[in-house]
C-alpha atoms as a PDB file:
ATOM      1  CA  MET A   1     -78.871 -13.381-211.100  1.00  0.00           C
ATOM      2  CA  ASP A   2     -76.181 -15.734-209.882  1.00  0.00           C
ATOM      3  CA  TYR A   3     -76.158 -19.441-209.367  1.00  0.00           C
ATOM      4  CA  THR A   4     -74.165 -21.385-206.851  1.00  0.00           C
ATOM      5  CA  LYS A   5     -72.207 -24.497-207.597  1.00  0.00           C
ATOM      6  CA  ASN A   6     -70.109 -25.813-204.736  1.00  0.00           C
ATOM      7  CA  ASN A   7     -70.425 -22.377-203.081  1.00  0.00           C
ATOM      8  CA  LEU A   8     -69.030 -20.651-206.212  1.00  0.00           C
ATOM      9  CA  LYS A   9     -70.835 -17.804-207.899  1.00  0.00           C
ATOM     10  CA  ILE A  10     -71.469 -18.706-211.542  1.00  0.00           C
ATOM     11  CA  TYR A  11     -72.706 -16.040-213.960  1.00  0.00           C
ATOM     12  CA  ARG A  12     -74.779 -17.066-216.934  1.00  0.00           C
ATOM     13  CA  LEU A  13     -74.000 -15.244-220.180  1.00  0.00           C
ATOM     14  CA  GLU A  14     -77.613 -14.057-220.327  1.00  0.00           C
ATOM     15  CA  ASP A  15     -77.103 -12.382-216.956  1.00  0.00           C
ATOM     16  CA  LEU A  16     -73.972 -10.614-218.243  1.00  0.00           C
ATOM     17  CA  ARG A  17     -75.955  -9.372-221.242  1.00  0.00           C
ATOM     18  CA  GLN A  18     -78.611  -7.914-218.897  1.00  0.00           C
ATOM     19  CA  ILE A  19     -75.961  -6.302-216.685  1.00  0.00           C
ATOM     20  CA  SER A  20     -74.313  -4.706-219.728  1.00  0.00           C
ATOM     21  CA  LYS A  21     -77.623  -3.101-220.757  1.00  0.00           C
ATOM     22  CA  ASN A  22     -77.945  -1.448-217.338  1.00  0.00           C
ATOM     23  CA  THR A  23     -75.835   1.727-217.541  1.00  0.00           C
ATOM     24  CA  ASN A  24     -75.502   1.888-213.739  1.00  0.00           C
ATOM     25  CA  HIS A  25     -73.646  -1.405-213.502  1.00  0.00           C
ATOM     26  CA  LYS A  26     -70.181  -1.931-214.945  1.00  0.00           C
ATOM     27  CA  ILE A  27     -68.794  -5.287-216.007  1.00  0.00           C
ATOM     28  CA  CYS A  28     -65.284  -5.709-214.656  1.00  0.00           C
ATOM     29  CA  LEU A  29     -63.327  -8.908-215.344  1.00  0.00           C
ATOM     30  CA  ASP A  30     -60.323 -10.375-213.551  1.00  0.00           C
ATOM     31  CA  LEU A  31     -58.691 -12.616-216.163  1.00  0.00           C
ATOM     32  CA  GLY A  32     -56.754 -15.590-214.815  1.00  0.00           C
ATOM     33  CA  CYS A  33     -57.773 -14.634-211.288  1.00  0.00           C
ATOM     34  CA  GLY A  34     -57.119 -17.994-209.636  1.00  0.00           C
ATOM     35  CA  SER A  35     -58.153 -17.796-205.982  1.00  0.00           C
ATOM     36  CA  ARG A  36     -57.074 -14.122-205.683  1.00  0.00           C
ATOM     37  CA  LYS A  37     -59.911 -12.375-207.503  1.00  0.00           C
ATOM     38  CA  LYS A  38     -60.012  -8.574-207.281  1.00  0.00           C
ATOM     39  CA  GLU A  39     -62.958  -7.405-205.206  1.00  0.00           C
ATOM     40  CA  GLY A  40     -65.917  -6.248-207.280  1.00  0.00           C
ATOM     41  CA  TYR A  41     -64.722  -8.097-210.374  1.00  0.00           C
ATOM     42  CA  ILE A  42     -66.011 -11.191-212.150  1.00  0.00           C
ATOM     43  CA  GLY A  43     -63.307 -13.846-211.982  1.00  0.00           C
ATOM     44  CA  VAL A  44     -62.411 -15.788-215.127  1.00  0.00           C
ATOM     45  CA  ASP A  45     -60.067 -18.776-214.987  1.00  0.00           C
ATOM     46  CA  ILE A  46     -59.585 -22.232-216.481  1.00  0.00           C
ATOM     47  CA  VAL A  47     -59.630 -23.842-213.010  1.00  0.00           C
ATOM     48  CA  ASP A  48     -62.787 -24.007-210.885  1.00  0.00           C
ATOM     49  CA  LEU A  49     -61.396 -22.420-207.702  1.00  0.00           C
ATOM     50  CA  GLU A  50     -63.027 -20.385-204.978  1.00  0.00           C
ATOM     51  CA  GLY A  51     -63.600 -16.902-206.401  1.00  0.00           C
ATOM     52  CA  VAL A  52     -63.738 -18.001-210.043  1.00  0.00           C
ATOM     53  CA  ASP A  53     -67.087 -17.022-211.541  1.00  0.00           C
ATOM     54  CA  ILE A  54     -66.602 -18.096-215.160  1.00  0.00           C
ATOM     55  CA  VAL A  55     -64.658 -21.297-215.769  1.00  0.00           C
ATOM     56  CA  CYS A  56     -63.311 -21.410-219.325  1.00  0.00           C
ATOM     57  CA  SER A  57     -60.164 -21.717-221.383  1.00  0.00           C
ATOM     58  CA  ILE A  58     -59.399 -18.174-222.462  1.00  0.00           C
ATOM     59  CA  GLU A  59     -57.129 -19.700-225.123  1.00  0.00           C
ATOM     60  CA  ASN A  60     -60.373 -20.682-226.909  1.00  0.00           C
ATOM     61  CA  GLY A  61     -61.994 -17.258-226.505  1.00  0.00           C
ATOM     62  CA  ILE A  62     -63.692 -15.276-223.763  1.00  0.00           C
ATOM     63  CA  PRO A  63     -67.391 -16.296-223.573  1.00  0.00           C
ATOM     64  CA  ILE A  64     -68.761 -12.754-223.353  1.00  0.00           C
ATOM     65  CA  ASN A  65     -70.615 -10.646-225.920  1.00  0.00           C
ATOM     66  CA  ASN A  66     -68.982  -7.854-227.894  1.00  0.00           C
ATOM     67  CA  ASP A  67     -68.666  -4.354-226.433  1.00  0.00           C
ATOM     68  CA  CYS A  68     -69.927  -4.962-222.893  1.00  0.00           C
ATOM     69  CA  VAL A  69     -66.863  -4.948-220.567  1.00  0.00           C
ATOM     70  CA  ASP A  70     -65.799  -1.731-218.817  1.00  0.00           C
ATOM     71  CA  LYS A  71     -62.610  -2.871-217.051  1.00  0.00           C
ATOM     72  CA  ILE A  72     -60.168  -5.751-217.196  1.00  0.00           C
ATOM     73  CA  HIS A  73     -57.690  -6.574-214.457  1.00  0.00           C
ATOM     74  CA  SER A  74     -55.078  -9.305-214.639  1.00  0.00           C
ATOM     75  CA  VAL A  75     -52.050 -10.142-212.492  1.00  0.00           C
ATOM     76  CA  TYR A  76     -49.408 -12.637-213.670  1.00  0.00           C
ATOM     77  CA  PHE A  77     -51.616 -14.293-216.276  1.00  0.00           C
ATOM     78  CA  PHE A  78     -50.673 -12.972-219.750  1.00  0.00           C
ATOM     79  CA  GLU A  79     -47.246 -14.637-219.656  1.00  0.00           C
ATOM     80  CA  HIS A  80     -48.987 -18.048-219.570  1.00  0.00           C
ATOM     81  CA  ILE A  81     -50.870 -17.531-222.855  1.00  0.00           C
ATOM     82  CA  ASN A  82     -49.828 -19.310-226.060  1.00  0.00           C
ATOM     83  CA  ASN A  83     -51.383 -16.822-228.496  1.00  0.00           C
ATOM     84  CA  LEU A  84     -51.046 -13.290-227.136  1.00  0.00           C
ATOM     85  CA  ILE A  85     -52.376 -11.727-230.340  1.00  0.00           C
ATOM     86  CA  PHE A  86     -55.620 -13.714-230.071  1.00  0.00           C
ATOM     87  CA  LEU A  87     -55.970 -12.742-226.381  1.00  0.00           C
ATOM     88  CA  PHE A  88     -55.651  -9.029-227.208  1.00  0.00           C
ATOM     89  CA  GLN A  89     -58.146  -9.421-230.064  1.00  0.00           C
ATOM     90  CA  GLU A  90     -60.624 -11.082-227.683  1.00  0.00           C
ATOM     91  CA  ILE A  91     -60.153  -8.364-225.066  1.00  0.00           C
ATOM     92  CA  TYR A  92     -60.697  -5.718-227.727  1.00  0.00           C
ATOM     93  CA  ARG A  93     -63.839  -7.502-228.942  1.00  0.00           C
ATOM     94  CA  ILE A  94     -65.522  -7.755-225.526  1.00  0.00           C
ATOM     95  CA  CYS A  95     -64.520  -4.290-224.235  1.00  0.00           C
ATOM     96  CA  LYS A  96     -66.457  -1.083-224.708  1.00  0.00           C
ATOM     97  CA  ASN A  97     -64.766   1.938-226.238  1.00  0.00           C
ATOM     98  CA  GLY A  98     -62.829   3.604-223.427  1.00  0.00           C
ATOM     99  CA  ALA A  99     -62.562   0.444-221.323  1.00  0.00           C
ATOM    100  CA  ILE A 100     -59.474   0.251-219.112  1.00  0.00           C
ATOM    101  CA  VAL A 101     -57.228  -2.830-219.225  1.00  0.00           C
ATOM    102  CA  LYS A 102     -54.712  -3.085-216.377  1.00  0.00           C
ATOM    103  CA  ILE A 103     -52.292  -5.995-216.366  1.00  0.00           C
ATOM    104  CA  THR A 104     -49.213  -6.965-214.374  1.00  0.00           C
ATOM    105  CA  VAL A 105     -46.600  -9.147-216.041  1.00  0.00           C
ATOM    106  CA  PRO A 106     -43.014 -10.184-215.263  1.00  0.00           C
ATOM    107  CA  TYR A 107     -40.452  -7.832-216.800  1.00  0.00           C
ATOM    108  CA  TYR A 108     -38.412  -9.413-219.615  1.00  0.00           C
ATOM    109  CA  SER A 109     -35.006  -8.898-217.939  1.00  0.00           C
ATOM    110  CA  SER A 110     -36.067 -10.384-214.628  1.00  0.00           C
ATOM    111  CA  ILE A 111     -35.595 -13.876-213.283  1.00  0.00           C
ATOM    112  CA  ASN A 112     -39.377 -13.745-212.697  1.00  0.00           C
ATOM    113  CA  ALA A 113     -39.888 -13.963-216.459  1.00  0.00           C
ATOM    114  CA  PHE A 114     -37.743 -17.078-216.876  1.00  0.00           C
ATOM    115  CA  LYS A 115     -38.010 -19.154-213.698  1.00  0.00           C
ATOM    116  CA  ASP A 116     -41.545 -20.494-214.261  1.00  0.00           C
ATOM    117  CA  PRO A 117     -41.579 -23.303-216.854  1.00  0.00           C
ATOM    118  CA  THR A 118     -45.198 -22.499-217.744  1.00  0.00           C
ATOM    119  CA  HIS A 119     -44.353 -19.005-219.045  1.00  0.00           C
ATOM    120  CA  LYS A 120     -44.800 -18.662-222.790  1.00  0.00           C
ATOM    121  CA  GLN A 121     -44.484 -14.879-223.287  1.00  0.00           C
ATOM    122  CA  PHE A 122     -41.999 -12.164-222.342  1.00  0.00           C
ATOM    123  CA  PHE A 123     -42.877  -8.484-222.048  1.00  0.00           C
ATOM    124  CA  THR A 124     -41.073  -5.215-222.647  1.00  0.00           C
ATOM    125  CA  GLU A 125     -42.538  -1.731-222.862  1.00  0.00           C
ATOM    126  CA  GLU A 126     -42.513  -2.085-226.648  1.00  0.00           C
ATOM    127  CA  THR A 127     -44.674  -5.236-226.606  1.00  0.00           C
ATOM    128  CA  PHE A 128     -47.817  -3.188-226.073  1.00  0.00           C
ATOM    129  CA  ARG A 129     -47.140  -0.842-228.998  1.00  0.00           C
ATOM    130  CA  TYR A 130     -47.848  -3.761-231.347  1.00  0.00           C
ATOM    131  CA  PHE A 131     -51.470  -3.627-230.211  1.00  0.00           C
ATOM    132  CA  SER A 132     -51.950   0.051-231.036  1.00  0.00           C
ATOM    133  CA  LYS A 133     -52.499   1.992-234.247  1.00  0.00           C
ATOM    134  CA  ASP A 134     -49.243   3.913-233.693  1.00  0.00           C
ATOM    135  CA  LYS A 135     -47.234   4.239-236.897  1.00  0.00           C
ATOM    136  CA  TRP A 136     -43.739   2.886-236.258  1.00  0.00           C
ATOM    137  CA  TYR A 137     -41.469   0.097-237.465  1.00  0.00           C
ATOM    138  CA  GLY A 138     -43.591  -2.645-235.866  1.00  0.00           C
ATOM    139  CA  SER A 139     -46.994  -1.292-236.796  1.00  0.00           C
ATOM    140  CA  ASP A 140     -47.721  -3.126-240.021  1.00  0.00           C
ATOM    141  CA  TYR A 141     -49.173  -6.408-238.717  1.00  0.00           C
ATOM    142  CA  ASN A 142     -52.783  -5.194-239.042  1.00  0.00           C
ATOM    143  CA  PHE A 143     -54.230  -6.899-235.939  1.00  0.00           C
ATOM    144  CA  ASN A 144     -57.352  -4.662-236.292  1.00  0.00           C
ATOM    145  CA  ILE A 145     -57.268  -3.582-232.659  1.00  0.00           C
ATOM    146  CA  ASN A 146     -56.210  -0.382-230.923  1.00  0.00           C
ATOM    147  CA  PHE A 147     -55.087   0.051-227.321  1.00  0.00           C
ATOM    148  CA  LYS A 148     -53.764   3.387-226.101  1.00  0.00           C
ATOM    149  CA  LEU A 149     -50.925   3.045-223.598  1.00  0.00           C
ATOM    150  CA  LEU A 150     -51.843   5.171-220.569  1.00  0.00           C
ATOM    151  CA  ASN A 151     -49.212   4.231-217.998  1.00  0.00           C
ATOM    152  CA  ILE A 152     -46.449   1.812-217.087  1.00  0.00           C
ATOM    153  CA  LYS A 153     -45.474   1.266-213.468  1.00  0.00           C
ATOM    154  CA  TYR A 154     -42.230  -0.600-212.874  1.00  0.00           C
ATOM    155  CA  HIS A 155     -41.842  -2.788-209.812  1.00  0.00           C
ATOM    156  CA  TYR A 156     -38.191  -2.155-208.954  1.00  0.00           C
ATOM    157  CA  SER A 157     -36.067  -4.176-206.583  1.00  0.00           C
ATOM    158  CA  ARG A 158     -35.987  -2.644-203.111  1.00  0.00           C
ATOM    159  CA  LEU A 159     -32.531  -1.037-203.419  1.00  0.00           C
ATOM    160  CA  ILE A 160     -33.250   0.554-206.777  1.00  0.00           C
ATOM    161  CA  ARG A 161     -36.644   1.825-205.658  1.00  0.00           C
ATOM    162  CA  LYS A 162     -35.197   3.541-202.619  1.00  0.00           C
ATOM    163  CA  TRP A 163     -31.956   5.173-203.663  1.00  0.00           C
ATOM    164  CA  TYR A 164     -31.869   6.125-207.329  1.00  0.00           C
ATOM    165  CA  PRO A 165     -33.439   8.977-209.321  1.00  0.00           C
ATOM    166  CA  GLU A 166     -35.677   8.138-212.293  1.00  0.00           C
ATOM    167  CA  PHE A 167     -33.109   8.701-215.059  1.00  0.00           C
ATOM    168  CA  ILE A 168     -30.674   6.243-213.388  1.00  0.00           C
ATOM    169  CA  LYS A 169     -33.512   3.752-212.900  1.00  0.00           C
ATOM    170  CA  ARG A 170     -34.312   3.992-216.599  1.00  0.00           C
ATOM    171  CA  LEU A 171     -30.705   3.160-217.545  1.00  0.00           C
ATOM    172  CA  MET A 172     -30.433   0.352-215.002  1.00  0.00           C
ATOM    173  CA  ARG A 173     -33.707  -1.223-216.081  1.00  0.00           C
ATOM    174  CA  ARG A 174     -32.544  -1.202-219.720  1.00  0.00           C
ATOM    175  CA  TYR A 175     -29.006  -2.534-219.288  1.00  0.00           C
ATOM    176  CA  PHE A 176     -28.968  -4.698-216.147  1.00  0.00           C
ATOM    177  CA  LEU A 177     -30.790  -7.865-215.141  1.00  0.00           C
ATOM    178  CA  ASN A 178     -33.210  -8.090-212.203  1.00  0.00           C
ATOM    179  CA  MET A 179     -33.570  -4.359-211.628  1.00  0.00           C
ATOM    180  CA  VAL A 180     -37.305  -4.631-212.328  1.00  0.00           C
ATOM    181  CA  GLY A 181     -39.281  -7.717-211.326  1.00  0.00           C
ATOM    182  CA  ALA A 182     -42.554  -6.821-213.028  1.00  0.00           C
ATOM    183  CA  MET A 183     -44.469  -4.025-214.674  1.00  0.00           C
ATOM    184  CA  THR A 184     -48.074  -2.952-214.499  1.00  0.00           C
ATOM    185  CA  VAL A 185     -49.408  -1.631-217.774  1.00  0.00           C
ATOM    186  CA  GLU A 186     -52.591   0.396-218.113  1.00  0.00           C
ATOM    187  CA  LEU A 187     -54.247   0.505-221.532  1.00  0.00           C
ATOM    188  CA  GLU A 188     -57.394   2.131-222.880  1.00  0.00           C
ATOM    189  CA  VAL A 189     -59.507   0.527-225.608  1.00  0.00           C
ATOM    190  CA  GLU A 190     -60.009   2.836-228.580  1.00  0.00           C
ATOM    191  CA  LYS A 191     -62.703   1.835-231.076  1.00  0.00           C
END
């Protein structure tokens, strides 16, 4: 089912199609995994590194069939994407209904968001509402996708994490810089 190329595991798309037909096996992708692929996941990256299973430019689309992915994991990758709308449309296309998408991105008011010259996107809590069917002031773009926001975990600086109650953290994260370095967002695909 897998092929080796320079000691890397390479999945053929036909193999992914067969896996997706088997209800006992879930397809879990780690997008932009680099050399730190999550265990049990299929690594997807543009660079052919150890741990990368599918080498492709996600900017041109994810080379996987519709409705076959159960989980997506990604850490510090989405901020490097030129067209975030296209990426979310591709994720929606390849995921099954109910699939879980868990991503970690730098928080918009953190130096982490701005220090890397390759970053192209910035993320707030509200960013993810644009990819849902929620009716609100930013809901009229008609991206034809729907992600339900399940959870947001904030990665606070050490002092904030230790000493302050949640309502103070909420105020500090909103009005001060570098209180939160990153956030992990968990979404569910709704088709």
